[in-house]
Amino acid sequence: MTAKFTVSGSNTKIIFEYIAPTAKISEIALAAAGYLWEHGYGDHGSEDGPILFDDTSNQDKLNMIDAHVRRVIMDLAKSHTVTASQVEARKTAIVYAKENLNMT
């Protein structure tokens, strides 16, 4: 299992942990960070002082991956909430229509 909850008082920590041989996990992280870099993640510097992907640290690369994972998790949660709200609104609208608009 790669994920777990740790509760401490009123706070909860969620940990996702992946273990693989160093060469493999480094290759995966580098490729993922490279993809994200090409799609605007990370500090690219400025026109006068651009920062190249190869000049970013391993921590910078992991930060890009972390930012993306957090964004995906939040987008999933928002999509679920919106969909659930739409389902409830539809149910309410159907009941209203049946009761008030002579619709079956």
PDB file of N, CA and C in Angstrom:
ATOM      1  N   MET A   1       0.846  -1.170   0.000  1.00  0.00           N
ATOM      2  CA  MET A   1       0.000   0.000   0.000  1.00  0.00           C
ATOM      3  C   MET A   1       0.895   1.238   0.000  1.00  0.00           C
ATOM      4  N   THR A   2       0.595   2.199  -0.864  1.00  0.00           N
ATOM      5  CA  THR A   2       1.446   3.375  -0.965  1.00  0.00           C
ATOM      6  C   THR A   2       0.866   4.591  -0.261  1.00  0.00           C
ATOM      7  N   ALA A   3      -0.366   4.508   0.218  1.00  0.00           N
ATOM      8  CA  ALA A   3      -0.980   5.678   0.825  1.00  0.00           C
ATOM      9  C   ALA A   3      -1.477   5.350   2.227  1.00  0.00           C
ATOM     10  N   LYS A   4      -1.394   6.364   3.103  1.00  0.00           N
ATOM     11  CA  LYS A   4      -1.925   6.161   4.442  1.00  0.00           C
ATOM     12  C   LYS A   4      -2.291   7.503   5.063  1.00  0.00           C
ATOM     13  N   PHE A   5      -3.233   7.434   6.012  1.00  0.00           N
ATOM     14  CA  PHE A   5      -3.626   8.589   6.812  1.00  0.00           C
ATOM     15  C   PHE A   5      -2.899   8.513   8.143  1.00  0.00           C
ATOM     16  N   THR A   6      -2.457   9.661   8.653  1.00  0.00           N
ATOM     17  CA  THR A   6      -1.916   9.753   9.993  1.00  0.00           C
ATOM     18  C   THR A   6      -2.629  10.913  10.676  1.00  0.00           C
ATOM     19  N   VAL A   7      -3.364  10.613  11.741  1.00  0.00           N
ATOM     20  CA  VAL A   7      -4.131  11.630  12.452  1.00  0.00           C
ATOM     21  C   VAL A   7      -3.338  12.088  13.665  1.00  0.00           C
ATOM     22  N   SER A   8      -3.259  13.402  13.823  1.00  0.00           N
ATOM     23  CA  SER A   8      -2.581  14.005  14.975  1.00  0.00           C
ATOM     24  C   SER A   8      -3.451  15.149  15.473  1.00  0.00           C
ATOM     25  N   GLY A   9      -4.227  14.878  16.496  1.00  0.00           N
ATOM     26  CA  GLY A   9      -5.146  15.897  17.005  1.00  0.00           C
ATOM     27  C   GLY A   9      -6.208  16.209  15.968  1.00  0.00           C
ATOM     28  N   SER A  10      -6.331  17.487  15.615  1.00  0.00           N
ATOM     29  CA  SER A  10      -7.340  17.888  14.635  1.00  0.00           C
ATOM     30  C   SER A  10      -6.781  17.941  13.211  1.00  0.00           C
ATOM     31  N   ASN A  11      -5.555  17.496  13.021  1.00  0.00           N
ATOM     32  CA  ASN A  11      -4.934  17.480  11.700  1.00  0.00           C
ATOM     33  C   ASN A  11      -4.739  16.050  11.215  1.00  0.00           C
ATOM     34  N   THR A  12      -4.825  15.894   9.918  1.00  0.00           N
ATOM     35  CA  THR A  12      -4.574  14.597   9.303  1.00  0.00           C
ATOM     36  C   THR A  12      -3.554  14.776   8.189  1.00  0.00           C
ATOM     37  N   LYS A  13      -2.579  13.886   8.189  1.00  0.00           N
ATOM     38  CA  LYS A  13      -1.559  13.881   7.142  1.00  0.00           C
ATOM     39  C   LYS A  13      -1.853  12.691   6.233  1.00  0.00           C
ATOM     40  N   ILE A  14      -1.826  12.941   4.932  1.00  0.00           N
ATOM     41  CA  ILE A  14      -1.947  11.859   3.961  1.00  0.00           C
ATOM     42  C   ILE A  14      -0.586  11.710   3.304  1.00  0.00           C
ATOM     43  N   ILE A  15      -0.083  10.492   3.315  1.00  0.00           N
ATOM     44  CA  ILE A  15       1.243  10.226   2.756  1.00  0.00           C
ATOM     45  C   ILE A  15       1.110   9.239   1.604  1.00  0.00           C
ATOM     46  N   PHE A  16       1.691   9.598   0.472  1.00  0.00           N
ATOM     47  CA  PHE A  16       1.813   8.692  -0.666  1.00  0.00           C
ATOM     48  C   PHE A  16       3.293   8.390  -0.801  1.00  0.00           C
ATOM     49  N   GLU A  17       3.641   7.129  -0.752  1.00  0.00           N
ATOM     50  CA  GLU A  17       5.050   6.745  -0.786  1.00  0.00           C
ATOM     51  C   GLU A  17       5.259   5.689  -1.853  1.00  0.00           C
ATOM     52  N   TYR A  18       6.258   5.904  -2.658  1.00  0.00           N
ATOM     53  CA  TYR A  18       6.584   4.958  -3.721  1.00  0.00           C
ATOM     54  C   TYR A  18       8.034   4.547  -3.564  1.00  0.00           C
ATOM     55  N   ILE A  19       8.277   3.256  -3.567  1.00  0.00           N
ATOM     56  CA  ILE A  19       9.640   2.738  -3.416  1.00  0.00           C
ATOM     57  C   ILE A  19       9.952   1.884  -4.637  1.00  0.00           C
ATOM     58  N   ALA A  20      11.089   2.170  -5.223  1.00  0.00           N
ATOM     59  CA  ALA A  20      11.557   1.410  -6.389  1.00  0.00           C
ATOM     60  C   ALA A  20      13.073   1.541  -6.427  1.00  0.00           C
ATOM     61  N   PRO A  21      13.720   0.723  -7.227  1.00  0.00           N
ATOM     62  CA  PRO A  21      15.167   0.878  -7.374  1.00  0.00           C
ATOM     63  C   PRO A  21      15.516   2.316  -7.781  1.00  0.00           C
ATOM     64  N   THR A  22      16.601   2.822  -7.254  1.00  0.00           N
ATOM     65  CA  THR A  22      16.988   4.217  -7.453  1.00  0.00           C
ATOM     66  C   THR A  22      16.997   4.620  -8.918  1.00  0.00           C
ATOM     67  N   ALA A  23      17.599   3.822  -9.763  1.00  0.00           N
ATOM     68  CA  ALA A  23      17.688   4.182 -11.187  1.00  0.00           C
ATOM     69  C   ALA A  23      16.298   4.320 -11.803  1.00  0.00           C
ATOM     70  N   LYS A  24      15.401   3.397 -11.467  1.00  0.00           N
ATOM     71  CA  LYS A  24      14.061   3.407 -12.046  1.00  0.00           C
ATOM     72  C   LYS A  24      13.249   4.592 -11.545  1.00  0.00           C
ATOM     73  N   ILE A  25      13.248   4.814 -10.240  1.00  0.00           N
ATOM     74  CA  ILE A  25      12.431   5.895  -9.692  1.00  0.00           C
ATOM     75  C   ILE A  25      12.993   7.254 -10.108  1.00  0.00           C
ATOM     76  N   SER A  26      14.307   7.349 -10.244  1.00  0.00           N
ATOM     77  CA  SER A  26      14.923   8.593 -10.725  1.00  0.00           C
ATOM     78  C   SER A  26      14.536   8.864 -12.169  1.00  0.00           C
ATOM     79  N   GLU A  27      14.529   7.825 -12.979  1.00  0.00           N
ATOM     80  CA  GLU A  27      14.128   7.953 -14.387  1.00  0.00           C
ATOM     81  C   GLU A  27      12.672   8.421 -14.491  1.00  0.00           C
ATOM     82  N   ILE A  28      11.808   7.829 -13.691  1.00  0.00           N
ATOM     83  CA  ILE A  28      10.390   8.186 -13.709  1.00  0.00           C
ATOM     84  C   ILE A  28      10.197   9.637 -13.260  1.00  0.00           C
ATOM     85  N   ALA A  29      10.820  10.006 -12.146  1.00  0.00           N
ATOM     86  CA  ALA A  29      10.674  11.368 -11.622  1.00  0.00           C
ATOM     87  C   ALA A  29      11.231  12.394 -12.605  1.00  0.00           C
ATOM     88  N   LEU A  30      12.373  12.104 -13.205  1.00  0.00           N
ATOM     89  CA  LEU A  30      12.973  13.021 -14.168  1.00  0.00           C
ATOM     90  C   LEU A  30      12.070  13.201 -15.386  1.00  0.00           C
ATOM     91  N   ALA A  31      11.506  12.114 -15.879  1.00  0.00           N
ATOM     92  CA  ALA A  31      10.620  12.193 -17.042  1.00  0.00           C
ATOM     93  C   ALA A  31       9.341  12.954 -16.694  1.00  0.00           C
ATOM     94  N   ALA A  32       8.777  12.680 -15.524  1.00  0.00           N
ATOM     95  CA  ALA A  32       7.554  13.378 -15.116  1.00  0.00           C
ATOM     96  C   ALA A  32       7.813  14.871 -14.948  1.00  0.00           C
ATOM     97  N   ALA A  33       8.898  15.220 -14.287  1.00  0.00           N
ATOM     98  CA  ALA A  33       9.241  16.629 -14.101  1.00  0.00           C
ATOM     99  C   ALA A  33       9.531  17.295 -15.441  1.00  0.00           C
ATOM    100  N   GLY A  34      10.189  16.582 -16.339  1.00  0.00           N
ATOM    101  CA  GLY A  34      10.465  17.133 -17.668  1.00  0.00           C
ATOM    102  C   GLY A  34       9.186  17.447 -18.423  1.00  0.00           C
ATOM    103  N   TYR A  35       8.223  16.544 -18.341  1.00  0.00           N
ATOM    104  CA  TYR A  35       6.930  16.769 -18.982  1.00  0.00           C
ATOM    105  C   TYR A  35       6.257  18.004 -18.394  1.00  0.00           C
ATOM    106  N   LEU A  36       6.247  18.079 -17.059  1.00  0.00           N
ATOM    107  CA  LEU A  36       5.606  19.219 -16.403  1.00  0.00           C
ATOM    108  C   LEU A  36       6.323  20.521 -16.738  1.00  0.00           C
ATOM    109  N   TRP A  37       7.642  20.477 -16.790  1.00  0.00           N
ATOM    110  CA  TRP A  37       8.439  21.661 -17.144  1.00  0.00           C
ATOM    111  C   TRP A  37       8.022  22.166 -18.526  1.00  0.00           C
ATOM    112  N   GLU A  38       7.884  21.248 -19.453  1.00  0.00           N
ATOM    113  CA  GLU A  38       7.494  21.619 -20.819  1.00  0.00           C
ATOM    114  C   GLU A  38       6.069  22.175 -20.891  1.00  0.00           C
ATOM    115  N   HIS A  39       5.299  21.956 -19.835  1.00  0.00           N
ATOM    116  CA  HIS A  39       3.920  22.447 -19.795  1.00  0.00           C
ATOM    117  C   HIS A  39       3.753  23.563 -18.762  1.00  0.00           C
ATOM    118  N   GLY A  40       4.843  24.267 -18.481  1.00  0.00           N
ATOM    119  CA  GLY A  40       4.760  25.496 -17.702  1.00  0.00           C
ATOM    120  C   GLY A  40       5.026  25.410 -16.218  1.00  0.00           C
ATOM    121  N   TYR A  41       5.262  24.244 -15.697  1.00  0.00           N
ATOM    122  CA  TYR A  41       5.554  24.132 -14.271  1.00  0.00           C
ATOM    123  C   TYR A  41       6.981  24.577 -13.986  1.00  0.00           C
ATOM    124  N   GLY A  42       7.208  25.016 -12.776  1.00  0.00           N
ATOM    125  CA  GLY A  42       8.554  25.385 -12.352  1.00  0.00           C
ATOM    126  C   GLY A  42       8.916  26.815 -12.699  1.00  0.00           C
ATOM    127  N   ASP A  43      10.017  27.258 -12.146  1.00  0.00           N
ATOM    128  CA  ASP A  43      10.523  28.616 -12.373  1.00  0.00           C
ATOM    129  C   ASP A  43      11.394  28.610 -13.627  1.00  0.00           C
ATOM    130  N   HIS A  44      10.889  29.224 -14.667  1.00  0.00           N
ATOM    131  CA  HIS A  44      11.618  29.282 -15.934  1.00  0.00           C
ATOM    132  C   HIS A  44      12.508  30.516 -16.025  1.00  0.00           C
ATOM    133  N   GLY A  45      12.510  31.318 -14.967  1.00  0.00           N
ATOM    134  CA  GLY A  45      13.316  32.524 -14.983  1.00  0.00           C
ATOM    135  C   GLY A  45      12.647  33.617 -15.796  1.00  0.00           C
ATOM    136  N   SER A  46      13.471  34.441 -16.414  1.00  0.00           N
ATOM    137  CA  SER A  46      12.958  35.554 -17.220  1.00  0.00           C
ATOM    138  C   SER A  46      13.614  35.518 -18.588  1.00  0.00           C
ATOM    139  N   GLU A  47      13.178  36.414 -19.441  1.00  0.00           N
ATOM    140  CA  GLU A  47      13.792  36.492 -20.768  1.00  0.00           C
ATOM    141  C   GLU A  47      15.273  36.840 -20.659  1.00  0.00           C
ATOM    142  N   ASP A  48      15.581  37.718 -19.708  1.00  0.00           N
ATOM    143  CA  ASP A  48      16.974  38.128 -19.511  1.00  0.00           C
ATOM    144  C   ASP A  48      17.796  37.073 -18.786  1.00  0.00           C
ATOM    145  N   GLY A  49      17.138  36.264 -17.986  1.00  0.00           N
ATOM    146  CA  GLY A  49      17.843  35.233 -17.227  1.00  0.00           C
ATOM    147  C   GLY A  49      17.050  33.938 -17.182  1.00  0.00           C
ATOM    148  N   PRO A  50      16.965  33.270 -18.326  1.00  0.00           N
ATOM    149  CA  PRO A  50      16.185  32.031 -18.349  1.00  0.00           C
ATOM    150  C   PRO A  50      16.834  30.938 -17.509  1.00  0.00           C
ATOM    151  N   ILE A  51      15.982  30.084 -16.963  1.00  0.00           N
ATOM    152  CA  ILE A  51      16.464  28.921 -16.220  1.00  0.00           C
ATOM    153  C   ILE A  51      16.151  27.693 -17.067  1.00  0.00           C
ATOM    154  N   LEU A  52      17.154  26.880 -17.289  1.00  0.00           N
ATOM    155  CA  LEU A  52      16.982  25.657 -18.066  1.00  0.00           C
ATOM    156  C   LEU A  52      16.586  24.512 -17.150  1.00  0.00           C
ATOM    157  N   PHE A  53      15.849  23.565 -17.682  1.00  0.00           N
ATOM    158  CA  PHE A  53      15.424  22.406 -16.902  1.00  0.00           C
ATOM    159  C   PHE A  53      16.626  21.712 -16.273  1.00  0.00           C
ATOM    160  N   ASP A  54      17.692  21.558 -17.016  1.00  0.00           N
ATOM    161  CA  ASP A  54      18.887  20.876 -16.504  1.00  0.00           C
ATOM    162  C   ASP A  54      19.537  21.627 -15.343  1.00  0.00           C
ATOM    163  N   ASP A  55      19.194  22.908 -15.188  1.00  0.00           N
ATOM    164  CA  ASP A  55      19.750  23.706 -14.096  1.00  0.00           C
ATOM    165  C   ASP A  55      18.892  23.661 -12.837  1.00  0.00           C
ATOM    166  N   THR A  56      17.739  22.991 -12.901  1.00  0.00           N
ATOM    167  CA  THR A  56      16.899  22.882 -11.709  1.00  0.00           C
ATOM    168  C   THR A  56      17.416  21.750 -10.827  1.00  0.00           C
ATOM    169  N   SER A  57      17.173  21.895  -9.539  1.00  0.00           N
ATOM    170  CA  SER A  57      17.637  20.877  -8.585  1.00  0.00           C
ATOM    171  C   SER A  57      16.665  19.702  -8.553  1.00  0.00           C
ATOM    172  N   ASN A  58      17.106  18.617  -7.950  1.00  0.00           N
ATOM    173  CA  ASN A  58      16.205  17.481  -7.749  1.00  0.00           C
ATOM    174  C   ASN A  58      14.982  17.896  -6.943  1.00  0.00           C
ATOM    175  N   GLN A  59      15.179  18.770  -5.940  1.00  0.00           N
ATOM    176  CA  GLN A  59      14.046  19.237  -5.141  1.00  0.00           C
ATOM    177  C   GLN A  59      13.089  20.060  -5.994  1.00  0.00           C
ATOM    178  N   ASP A  60      13.630  20.899  -6.885  1.00  0.00           N
ATOM    179  CA  ASP A  60      12.770  21.663  -7.797  1.00  0.00           C
ATOM    180  C   ASP A  60      11.912  20.718  -8.633  1.00  0.00           C
ATOM    181  N   LYS A  61      12.523  19.654  -9.104  1.00  0.00           N
ATOM    182  CA  LYS A  61      11.806  18.678  -9.931  1.00  0.00           C
ATOM    183  C   LYS A  61      10.697  17.991  -9.122  1.00  0.00           C
ATOM    184  N   LEU A  62      11.027  17.601  -7.895  1.00  0.00           N
ATOM    185  CA  LEU A  62      10.013  16.984  -7.040  1.00  0.00           C
ATOM    186  C   LEU A  62       8.902  17.969  -6.695  1.00  0.00           C
ATOM    187  N   ASN A  63       9.247  19.231  -6.523  1.00  0.00           N
ATOM    188  CA  ASN A  63       8.231  20.247  -6.233  1.00  0.00           C
ATOM    189  C   ASN A  63       7.242  20.381  -7.389  1.00  0.00           C
ATOM    190  N   MET A  64       7.734  20.278  -8.624  1.00  0.00           N
ATOM    191  CA  MET A  64       6.839  20.335  -9.785  1.00  0.00           C
ATOM    192  C   MET A  64       5.864  19.158  -9.767  1.00  0.00           C
ATOM    193  N   ILE A  65       6.390  17.978  -9.474  1.00  0.00           N
ATOM    194  CA  ILE A  65       5.548  16.777  -9.431  1.00  0.00           C
ATOM    195  C   ILE A  65       4.531  16.911  -8.301  1.00  0.00           C
ATOM    196  N   ASP A  66       4.969  17.371  -7.147  1.00  0.00           N
ATOM    197  CA  ASP A  66       4.069  17.557  -6.006  1.00  0.00           C
ATOM    198  C   ASP A  66       2.971  18.559  -6.335  1.00  0.00           C
ATOM    199  N   ALA A  67       3.326  19.675  -6.955  1.00  0.00           N
ATOM    200  CA  ALA A  67       2.323  20.681  -7.321  1.00  0.00           C
ATOM    201  C   ALA A  67       1.282  20.083  -8.268  1.00  0.00           C
ATOM    202  N   HIS A  68       1.744  19.283  -9.205  1.00  0.00           N
ATOM    203  CA  HIS A  68       0.811  18.663 -10.157  1.00  0.00           C
ATOM    204  C   HIS A  68      -0.100  17.653  -9.462  1.00  0.00           C
ATOM    205  N   VAL A  69       0.463  16.829  -8.601  1.00  0.00           N
ATOM    206  CA  VAL A  69      -0.344  15.825  -7.892  1.00  0.00           C
ATOM    207  C   VAL A  69      -1.402  16.519  -7.035  1.00  0.00           C
ATOM    208  N   ARG A  70      -1.002  17.576  -6.317  1.00  0.00           N
ATOM    209  CA  ARG A  70      -1.978  18.324  -5.508  1.00  0.00           C
ATOM    210  C   ARG A  70      -3.073  18.904  -6.384  1.00  0.00           C
ATOM    211  N   ARG A  71      -2.689  19.439  -7.541  1.00  0.00           N
ATOM    212  CA  ARG A  71      -3.678  20.024  -8.463  1.00  0.00           C
ATOM    213  C   ARG A  71      -4.658  18.964  -8.958  1.00  0.00           C
ATOM    214  N   VAL A  72      -4.157  17.801  -9.311  1.00  0.00           N
ATOM    215  CA  VAL A  72      -5.022  16.711  -9.782  1.00  0.00           C
ATOM    216  C   VAL A  72      -5.979  16.277  -8.677  1.00  0.00           C
ATOM    217  N   ILE A  73      -5.475  16.122  -7.454  1.00  0.00           N
ATOM    218  CA  ILE A  73      -6.329  15.705  -6.337  1.00  0.00           C
ATOM    219  C   ILE A  73      -7.425  16.745  -6.099  1.00  0.00           C
ATOM    220  N   MET A  74      -7.074  18.015  -6.092  1.00  0.00           N
ATOM    221  CA  MET A  74      -8.074  19.059  -5.876  1.00  0.00           C
ATOM    222  C   MET A  74      -9.081  19.098  -7.024  1.00  0.00           C
ATOM    223  N   ASP A  75      -8.620  18.940  -8.257  1.00  0.00           N
ATOM    224  CA  ASP A  75      -9.538  18.918  -9.406  1.00  0.00           C
ATOM    225  C   ASP A  75     -10.496  17.737  -9.321  1.00  0.00           C
ATOM    226  N   LEU A  76     -10.005  16.582  -8.888  1.00  0.00           N
ATOM    227  CA  LEU A  76     -10.875  15.416  -8.716  1.00  0.00           C
ATOM    228  C   LEU A  76     -11.947  15.698  -7.667  1.00  0.00           C
ATOM    229  N   ALA A  77     -11.536  16.269  -6.560  1.00  0.00           N
ATOM    230  CA  ALA A  77     -12.489  16.575  -5.490  1.00  0.00           C
ATOM    231  C   ALA A  77     -13.527  17.593  -5.956  1.00  0.00           C
ATOM    232  N   LYS A  78     -13.097  18.628  -6.666  1.00  0.00           N
ATOM    233  CA  LYS A  78     -14.026  19.641  -7.180  1.00  0.00           C
ATOM    234  C   LYS A  78     -14.991  19.023  -8.183  1.00  0.00           C
ATOM    235  N   SER A  79     -14.481  18.201  -9.079  1.00  0.00           N
ATOM    236  CA  SER A  79     -15.344  17.551 -10.075  1.00  0.00           C
ATOM    237  C   SER A  79     -16.380  16.663  -9.403  1.00  0.00           C
ATOM    238  N   HIS A  80     -15.960  15.920  -8.407  1.00  0.00           N
ATOM    239  CA  HIS A  80     -16.897  15.057  -7.677  1.00  0.00           C
ATOM    240  C   HIS A  80     -17.987  15.890  -7.008  1.00  0.00           C
ATOM    241  N   THR A  81     -17.597  16.983  -6.359  1.00  0.00           N
ATOM    242  CA  THR A  81     -18.556  17.849  -5.673  1.00  0.00           C
ATOM    243  C   THR A  81     -19.534  18.474  -6.662  1.00  0.00           C
ATOM    244  N   VAL A  82     -19.033  18.952  -7.784  1.00  0.00           N
ATOM    245  CA  VAL A  82     -19.901  19.550  -8.805  1.00  0.00           C
ATOM    246  C   VAL A  82     -20.857  18.511  -9.363  1.00  0.00           C
ATOM    247  N   THR A  83     -20.366  17.337  -9.673  1.00  0.00           N
ATOM    248  CA  THR A  83     -21.216  16.277 -10.219  1.00  0.00           C
ATOM    249  C   THR A  83     -22.299  15.884  -9.222  1.00  0.00           C
ATOM    250  N   ALA A  84     -21.930  15.724  -7.964  1.00  0.00           N
ATOM    251  CA  ALA A  84     -22.916  15.373  -6.932  1.00  0.00           C
ATOM    252  C   ALA A  84     -23.967  16.469  -6.806  1.00  0.00           C
ATOM    253  N   SER A  85     -23.544  17.720  -6.877  1.00  0.00           N
ATOM    254  CA  SER A  85     -24.494  18.836  -6.810  1.00  0.00           C
ATOM    255  C   SER A  85     -25.428  18.841  -8.012  1.00  0.00           C
ATOM    256  N   GLN A  86     -24.893  18.524  -9.187  1.00  0.00           N
ATOM    257  CA  GLN A  86     -25.724  18.467 -10.389  1.00  0.00           C
ATOM    258  C   GLN A  86     -26.762  17.358 -10.287  1.00  0.00           C
ATOM    259  N   VAL A  87     -26.370  16.211  -9.761  1.00  0.00           N
ATOM    260  CA  VAL A  87     -27.296  15.093  -9.597  1.00  0.00           C
ATOM    261  C   VAL A  87     -28.435  15.499  -8.658  1.00  0.00           C
ATOM    262  N   GLU A  88     -28.091  16.120  -7.538  1.00  0.00           N
ATOM    263  CA  GLU A  88     -29.116  16.557  -6.588  1.00  0.00           C
ATOM    264  C   GLU A  88     -30.006  17.628  -7.190  1.00  0.00           C
ATOM    265  N   ALA A  89     -29.434  18.569  -7.924  1.00  0.00           N
ATOM    266  CA  ALA A  89     -30.237  19.622  -8.561  1.00  0.00           C
ATOM    267  C   ALA A  89     -31.187  19.023  -9.586  1.00  0.00           C
ATOM    268  N   ARG A  90     -30.725  18.041 -10.315  1.00  0.00           N
ATOM    269  CA  ARG A  90     -31.578  17.380 -11.304  1.00  0.00           C
ATOM    270  C   ARG A  90     -32.743  16.677 -10.626  1.00  0.00           C
ATOM    271  N   LYS A  91     -32.461  15.968  -9.538  1.00  0.00           N
ATOM    272  CA  LYS A  91     -33.535  15.298  -8.799  1.00  0.00           C
ATOM    273  C   LYS A  91     -34.572  16.313  -8.323  1.00  0.00           C
ATOM    274  N   THR A  92     -34.110  17.418  -7.781  1.00  0.00           N
ATOM    275  CA  THR A  92     -35.013  18.465  -7.295  1.00  0.00           C
ATOM    276  C   THR A  92     -35.826  19.050  -8.445  1.00  0.00           C
ATOM    277  N   ALA A  93     -35.190  19.282  -9.568  1.00  0.00           N
ATOM    278  CA  ALA A  93     -35.885  19.844 -10.729  1.00  0.00           C
ATOM    279  C   ALA A  93     -36.940  18.884 -11.261  1.00  0.00           C
ATOM    280  N   ILE A  94     -36.647  17.612 -11.255  1.00  0.00           N
ATOM    281  CA  ILE A  94     -37.608  16.611 -11.737  1.00  0.00           C
ATOM    282  C   ILE A  94     -38.826  16.580 -10.822  1.00  0.00           C
ATOM    283  N   VAL A  95     -38.597  16.587  -9.520  1.00  0.00           N
ATOM    284  CA  VAL A  95     -39.706  16.598  -8.559  1.00  0.00           C
ATOM    285  C   VAL A  95     -40.546  17.860  -8.761  1.00  0.00           C
ATOM    286  N   TYR A  96     -39.869  18.995  -8.888  1.00  0.00           N
ATOM    287  CA  TYR A  96     -40.583  20.259  -9.101  1.00  0.00           C
ATOM    288  C   TYR A  96     -41.411  20.205 -10.373  1.00  0.00           C
ATOM    289  N   ALA A  97     -40.817  19.719 -11.445  1.00  0.00           N
ATOM    290  CA  ALA A  97     -41.522  19.657 -12.726  1.00  0.00           C
ATOM    291  C   ALA A  97     -42.759  18.760 -12.630  1.00  0.00           C
ATOM    292  N   LYS A  98     -42.613  17.632 -11.974  1.00  0.00           N
ATOM    293  CA  LYS A  98     -43.736  16.701 -11.844  1.00  0.00           C
ATOM    294  C   LYS A  98     -44.854  17.343 -11.018  1.00  0.00           C
ATOM    295  N   GLU A  99     -44.483  18.048  -9.958  1.00  0.00           N
ATOM    296  CA  GLU A  99     -45.483  18.619  -9.064  1.00  0.00           C
ATOM    297  C   GLU A  99     -46.110  19.909  -9.593  1.00  0.00           C
ATOM    298  N   ASN A 100     -45.367  20.660 -10.385  1.00  0.00           N
ATOM    299  CA  ASN A 100     -45.828  22.001 -10.758  1.00  0.00           C
ATOM    300  C   ASN A 100     -46.077  22.214 -12.257  1.00  0.00           C
ATOM    301  N   LEU A 101     -45.571  21.351 -13.062  1.00  0.00           N
ATOM    302  CA  LEU A 101     -45.676  21.568 -14.505  1.00  0.00           C
ATOM    303  C   LEU A 101     -46.448  20.469 -15.210  1.00  0.00           C
ATOM    304  N   ASN A 102     -47.108  19.639 -14.432  1.00  0.00           N
ATOM    305  CA  ASN A 102     -47.885  18.533 -15.001  1.00  0.00           C
ATOM    306  C   ASN A 102     -47.049  17.671 -15.931  1.00  0.00           C
ATOM    307  N   MET A 103     -45.802  17.456 -15.536  1.00  0.00           N
ATOM    308  CA  MET A 103     -44.900  16.616 -16.346  1.00  0.00           C
ATOM    309  C   MET A 103     -44.761  15.254 -15.654  1.00  0.00           C
ATOM    310  N   THR A 104     -44.707  14.216 -16.430  1.00  0.00           N
ATOM    311  CA  THR A 104     -44.516  12.898 -15.852  1.00  0.00           C
ATOM    312  C   THR A 104     -43.195  12.323 -16.283  1.00  0.00           C
TER     313      THR A 104
END
